[in-house]
């Protein structure tokens, strides 16, 4: 089947809802079918854009210097780190036993 003419059916929406374990009303099924097909229609419009002379890119906007400089700084003291701990014992965080 031609990808351009493919439409989402109400039965496919019902199947996806079943897979997601959600219940949809008839109104929701109809609305989602229309919305999904509207999205596919918009992709068809985008597919018509002339891109022959457009260089591929990895980012929509140019990214530069996205990583900060790695600067060594002093860590928190044990007292500051434990200051808001609800339970602590012998200088460590205390948590419930997990079996």
N, C-alpha and C. Protein backbone atom coordinates (compact mmCIF):
# COMPACT_ATOMS: atom_id res chain seq x y z
N UNK A 1 0.84 -1.18 0.00
CA UNK A 1 0.00 0.00 0.00
C UNK A 1 0.88 1.24 0.00
N UNK A 2 0.48 2.25 -0.74
CA UNK A 2 1.22 3.50 -0.83
C UNK A 2 1.18 4.23 0.51
N UNK A 3 2.36 4.63 1.01
CA UNK A 3 2.44 5.31 2.31
C UNK A 3 1.68 6.63 2.31
N UNK A 4 1.63 7.31 1.16
CA UNK A 4 0.99 8.62 1.09
C UNK A 4 -0.52 8.50 1.31
N UNK A 5 -1.15 7.43 0.86
CA UNK A 5 -2.59 7.31 0.99
C UNK A 5 -3.02 6.56 2.24
N UNK A 6 -2.10 6.13 3.07
CA UNK A 6 -2.42 5.39 4.29
C UNK A 6 -3.16 6.28 5.26
N UNK A 7 -4.26 5.78 5.78
CA UNK A 7 -5.07 6.48 6.77
C UNK A 7 -5.17 5.61 8.01
N UNK A 8 -5.28 6.22 9.17
CA UNK A 8 -5.50 5.50 10.42
C UNK A 8 -6.98 5.21 10.53
N UNK A 9 -7.31 3.97 10.84
CA UNK A 9 -8.72 3.60 10.98
C UNK A 9 -9.12 3.58 12.45
N UNK A 10 -10.42 3.62 12.66
CA UNK A 10 -10.93 3.55 14.03
C UNK A 10 -10.54 2.23 14.67
N UNK A 11 -10.49 1.17 13.86
CA UNK A 11 -10.10 -0.14 14.38
C UNK A 11 -8.65 -0.12 14.88
N UNK A 12 -7.76 0.60 14.19
CA UNK A 12 -6.37 0.72 14.63
C UNK A 12 -6.27 1.52 15.92
N UNK A 13 -7.09 2.55 16.06
CA UNK A 13 -7.12 3.32 17.30
C UNK A 13 -7.58 2.43 18.45
N UNK A 14 -8.60 1.62 18.20
CA UNK A 14 -9.09 0.68 19.22
C UNK A 14 -7.98 -0.31 19.62
N UNK A 15 -7.22 -0.78 18.64
CA UNK A 15 -6.15 -1.74 18.91
C UNK A 15 -5.05 -1.11 19.77
N UNK A 16 -4.66 0.12 19.44
CA UNK A 16 -3.64 0.81 20.22
C UNK A 16 -4.14 1.04 21.64
N UNK A 17 -5.40 1.42 21.79
CA UNK A 17 -5.98 1.62 23.12
C UNK A 17 -5.97 0.30 23.90
N UNK A 18 -6.26 -0.79 23.22
CA UNK A 18 -6.24 -2.11 23.89
C UNK A 18 -4.82 -2.44 24.34
N UNK A 19 -3.83 -2.18 23.49
CA UNK A 19 -2.43 -2.43 23.86
C UNK A 19 -2.01 -1.59 25.06
N UNK A 20 -2.50 -0.35 25.11
CA UNK A 20 -2.16 0.56 26.20
C UNK A 20 -3.04 0.32 27.43
N UNK A 21 -3.98 -0.61 27.30
CA UNK A 21 -4.89 -0.94 28.40
C UNK A 21 -5.67 0.28 28.89
N UNK A 22 -6.18 1.06 27.91
CA UNK A 22 -7.04 2.19 28.25
C UNK A 22 -8.38 2.02 27.54
N UNK A 23 -9.41 2.48 28.17
CA UNK A 23 -10.74 2.44 27.57
C UNK A 23 -11.05 3.79 26.96
N UNK A 24 -11.57 3.77 25.74
CA UNK A 24 -11.96 4.99 25.06
C UNK A 24 -13.44 4.95 24.75
N UNK A 25 -14.09 6.08 24.89
CA UNK A 25 -15.50 6.18 24.49
C UNK A 25 -15.55 6.24 22.97
N UNK A 26 -16.72 6.07 22.40
CA UNK A 26 -16.88 6.15 20.95
C UNK A 26 -16.46 7.53 20.45
N UNK A 27 -16.82 8.57 21.21
CA UNK A 27 -16.45 9.93 20.85
C UNK A 27 -14.92 10.08 20.82
N UNK A 28 -14.23 9.53 21.83
CA UNK A 28 -12.76 9.60 21.88
C UNK A 28 -12.13 8.83 20.71
N UNK A 29 -12.67 7.67 20.39
CA UNK A 29 -12.14 6.89 19.27
C UNK A 29 -12.24 7.69 17.97
N UNK A 30 -13.41 8.31 17.75
CA UNK A 30 -13.61 9.09 16.54
C UNK A 30 -12.69 10.32 16.52
N UNK A 31 -12.57 11.00 17.66
CA UNK A 31 -11.74 12.20 17.76
C UNK A 31 -10.27 11.85 17.54
N UNK A 32 -9.78 10.75 18.16
CA UNK A 32 -8.39 10.36 17.99
C UNK A 32 -8.10 9.93 16.56
N UNK A 33 -9.04 9.24 15.93
CA UNK A 33 -8.87 8.85 14.53
C UNK A 33 -8.70 10.09 13.66
N UNK A 34 -9.55 11.09 13.86
CA UNK A 34 -9.45 12.34 13.11
C UNK A 34 -8.13 13.05 13.39
N UNK A 35 -7.73 13.12 14.67
CA UNK A 35 -6.50 13.82 15.04
C UNK A 35 -5.27 13.13 14.46
N UNK A 36 -5.23 11.80 14.53
CA UNK A 36 -4.08 11.07 13.97
C UNK A 36 -3.98 11.30 12.47
N UNK A 37 -5.12 11.27 11.78
CA UNK A 37 -5.10 11.49 10.34
C UNK A 37 -4.74 12.92 9.99
N UNK A 38 -5.11 13.86 10.83
CA UNK A 38 -4.72 15.26 10.63
C UNK A 38 -3.20 15.39 10.74
N UNK A 39 -2.61 14.70 11.69
CA UNK A 39 -1.15 14.71 11.86
C UNK A 39 -0.49 14.11 10.62
N UNK A 40 -1.02 12.97 10.14
CA UNK A 40 -0.45 12.35 8.94
C UNK A 40 -0.58 13.27 7.73
N UNK A 41 -1.71 14.00 7.62
CA UNK A 41 -1.89 14.95 6.53
C UNK A 41 -0.81 16.02 6.58
N UNK A 42 -0.48 16.49 7.78
CA UNK A 42 0.55 17.51 7.92
C UNK A 42 1.92 16.96 7.51
N UNK A 43 2.20 15.71 7.84
CA UNK A 43 3.46 15.10 7.41
C UNK A 43 3.52 15.04 5.89
N UNK A 44 2.39 14.81 5.25
CA UNK A 44 2.36 14.78 3.78
C UNK A 44 2.72 16.15 3.22
N UNK A 45 2.26 17.22 3.87
CA UNK A 45 2.61 18.57 3.45
C UNK A 45 4.11 18.79 3.60
N UNK A 46 4.66 18.36 4.71
CA UNK A 46 6.10 18.50 4.96
C UNK A 46 6.90 17.70 3.93
N UNK A 47 6.41 16.51 3.56
CA UNK A 47 7.10 15.68 2.58
C UNK A 47 7.23 16.37 1.23
N UNK A 48 6.35 17.32 0.93
CA UNK A 48 6.39 18.03 -0.36
C UNK A 48 7.44 19.14 -0.38
N UNK A 49 8.02 19.46 0.74
CA UNK A 49 9.02 20.53 0.79
C UNK A 49 10.24 20.15 -0.04
N UNK A 50 10.77 21.15 -0.76
CA UNK A 50 11.94 20.94 -1.60
C UNK A 50 13.20 20.89 -0.72
N UNK A 51 13.86 19.74 -0.69
CA UNK A 51 15.03 19.57 0.18
C UNK A 51 16.26 19.08 -0.57
N UNK A 52 16.23 19.14 -1.90
CA UNK A 52 17.35 18.62 -2.69
C UNK A 52 18.66 19.32 -2.39
N UNK A 53 18.64 20.62 -2.17
CA UNK A 53 19.87 21.39 -1.94
C UNK A 53 20.09 21.72 -0.47
N UNK A 54 19.45 21.00 0.41
CA UNK A 54 19.58 21.25 1.84
C UNK A 54 20.53 20.22 2.44
N UNK A 55 21.56 20.72 3.11
CA UNK A 55 22.52 19.82 3.75
C UNK A 55 21.89 19.17 4.99
N UNK A 56 22.10 17.87 5.19
CA UNK A 56 21.58 17.23 6.41
C UNK A 56 22.25 17.79 7.65
N UNK A 57 21.51 17.83 8.74
CA UNK A 57 22.09 18.31 10.00
C UNK A 57 21.64 17.39 11.13
N UNK A 58 22.38 17.43 12.20
CA UNK A 58 22.05 16.62 13.36
C UNK A 58 21.23 17.39 14.37
N UNK A 59 21.27 18.72 14.29
CA UNK A 59 20.55 19.57 15.23
C UNK A 59 19.80 20.65 14.45
N UNK A 60 18.64 21.01 14.94
CA UNK A 60 17.86 22.06 14.31
C UNK A 60 18.54 23.42 14.44
N UNK A 61 19.22 23.61 15.55
CA UNK A 61 19.98 24.84 15.77
C UNK A 61 21.42 24.46 16.08
N UNK A 62 22.33 25.34 15.71
CA UNK A 62 23.75 25.07 15.97
C UNK A 62 24.03 25.09 17.47
N UNK A 63 24.67 24.05 17.95
CA UNK A 63 25.02 23.96 19.37
C UNK A 63 26.52 24.17 19.52
N UNK A 64 26.88 25.03 20.45
CA UNK A 64 28.30 25.27 20.71
C UNK A 64 28.49 25.46 22.20
N UNK A 65 29.52 24.85 22.72
CA UNK A 65 29.83 25.04 24.13
C UNK A 65 28.74 24.57 25.08
N UNK A 66 28.16 23.42 24.79
CA UNK A 66 27.06 22.94 25.63
C UNK A 66 27.55 22.33 26.93
N UNK A 67 28.83 22.03 27.02
CA UNK A 67 29.38 21.47 28.25
C UNK A 67 30.14 22.53 29.02
N UNK A 68 29.93 22.54 30.32
CA UNK A 68 30.64 23.52 31.14
C UNK A 68 32.06 23.02 31.42
N UNK A 69 32.90 23.93 31.77
CA UNK A 69 34.28 23.60 32.14
C UNK A 69 34.26 22.71 33.38
N UNK A 70 35.08 21.70 33.40
CA UNK A 70 35.16 20.80 34.56
C UNK A 70 36.10 21.43 35.58
N UNK A 71 35.51 21.99 36.63
CA UNK A 71 36.29 22.69 37.65
C UNK A 71 36.18 21.93 38.96
N UNK A 72 37.31 21.63 39.57
CA UNK A 72 37.33 20.94 40.85
C UNK A 72 36.90 21.92 41.93
N UNK A 73 35.89 21.53 42.71
CA UNK A 73 35.42 22.36 43.82
C UNK A 73 35.30 21.48 45.05
N UNK A 74 35.35 22.09 46.24
CA UNK A 74 35.23 21.28 47.45
C UNK A 74 33.83 20.66 47.56
N UNK A 75 33.79 19.46 48.10
CA UNK A 75 32.51 18.77 48.30
C UNK A 75 31.84 19.29 49.56
N UNK A 76 30.59 18.89 49.74
CA UNK A 76 29.88 19.20 50.98
C UNK A 76 30.56 18.48 52.14
N UNK A 77 30.54 19.11 53.28
CA UNK A 77 31.03 18.41 54.47
C UNK A 77 29.98 17.36 54.85
N UNK A 78 30.40 16.38 55.61
CA UNK A 78 29.48 15.33 56.04
C UNK A 78 28.31 15.94 56.83
N UNK A 79 28.61 16.92 57.66
CA UNK A 79 27.57 17.55 58.48
C UNK A 79 26.53 18.25 57.60
N UNK A 80 26.98 18.98 56.58
CA UNK A 80 26.04 19.66 55.69
C UNK A 80 25.22 18.66 54.88
N UNK A 81 25.86 17.60 54.43
CA UNK A 81 25.15 16.59 53.63
C UNK A 81 24.07 15.90 54.46
N UNK A 82 24.32 15.68 55.72
CA UNK A 82 23.37 14.99 56.59
C UNK A 82 22.42 15.94 57.31
N UNK A 83 22.56 17.24 57.10
CA UNK A 83 21.79 18.23 57.86
C UNK A 83 20.28 18.01 57.77
N UNK A 84 19.74 17.66 56.64
CA UNK A 84 18.30 17.50 56.47
C UNK A 84 17.84 16.04 56.42
N UNK A 85 18.74 15.12 56.71
CA UNK A 85 18.39 13.70 56.69
C UNK A 85 17.41 13.40 57.82
N UNK A 86 16.35 12.69 57.50
CA UNK A 86 15.38 12.36 58.54
C UNK A 86 15.95 11.33 59.51
N UNK A 87 16.79 10.42 58.99
CA UNK A 87 17.42 9.42 59.86
C UNK A 87 18.89 9.30 59.49
N UNK A 88 19.74 9.31 60.48
CA UNK A 88 21.18 9.15 60.26
C UNK A 88 21.75 8.37 61.43
N UNK A 89 22.85 7.67 61.15
CA UNK A 89 23.48 6.85 62.18
C UNK A 89 24.97 6.75 61.89
N UNK A 90 25.79 7.07 62.86
CA UNK A 90 27.25 6.95 62.76
C UNK A 90 27.80 7.70 61.54
N UNK A 91 27.22 8.88 61.24
CA UNK A 91 27.74 9.69 60.14
C UNK A 91 27.28 9.27 58.76
N UNK A 92 26.25 8.42 58.67
CA UNK A 92 25.73 7.96 57.38
C UNK A 92 24.23 8.14 57.35
N UNK A 93 23.65 8.17 56.12
CA UNK A 93 22.21 8.14 55.97
C UNK A 93 21.72 6.78 56.42
N UNK A 94 20.58 6.74 57.12
CA UNK A 94 20.02 5.46 57.53
C UNK A 94 18.73 5.25 56.75
N UNK A 95 18.58 4.06 56.20
CA UNK A 95 17.38 3.73 55.44
C UNK A 95 16.84 2.39 55.92
N UNK A 96 15.59 2.10 55.57
CA UNK A 96 15.01 0.82 55.99
C UNK A 96 15.75 -0.35 55.32
N UNK A 97 15.77 -1.47 55.98
CA UNK A 97 16.38 -2.67 55.40
C UNK A 97 15.54 -3.14 54.23
N UNK A 98 16.22 -3.54 53.19
CA UNK A 98 15.54 -4.07 52.01
C UNK A 98 15.99 -5.52 51.84
N UNK A 99 15.04 -6.41 51.86
CA UNK A 99 15.38 -7.84 51.75
C UNK A 99 15.24 -8.31 50.34
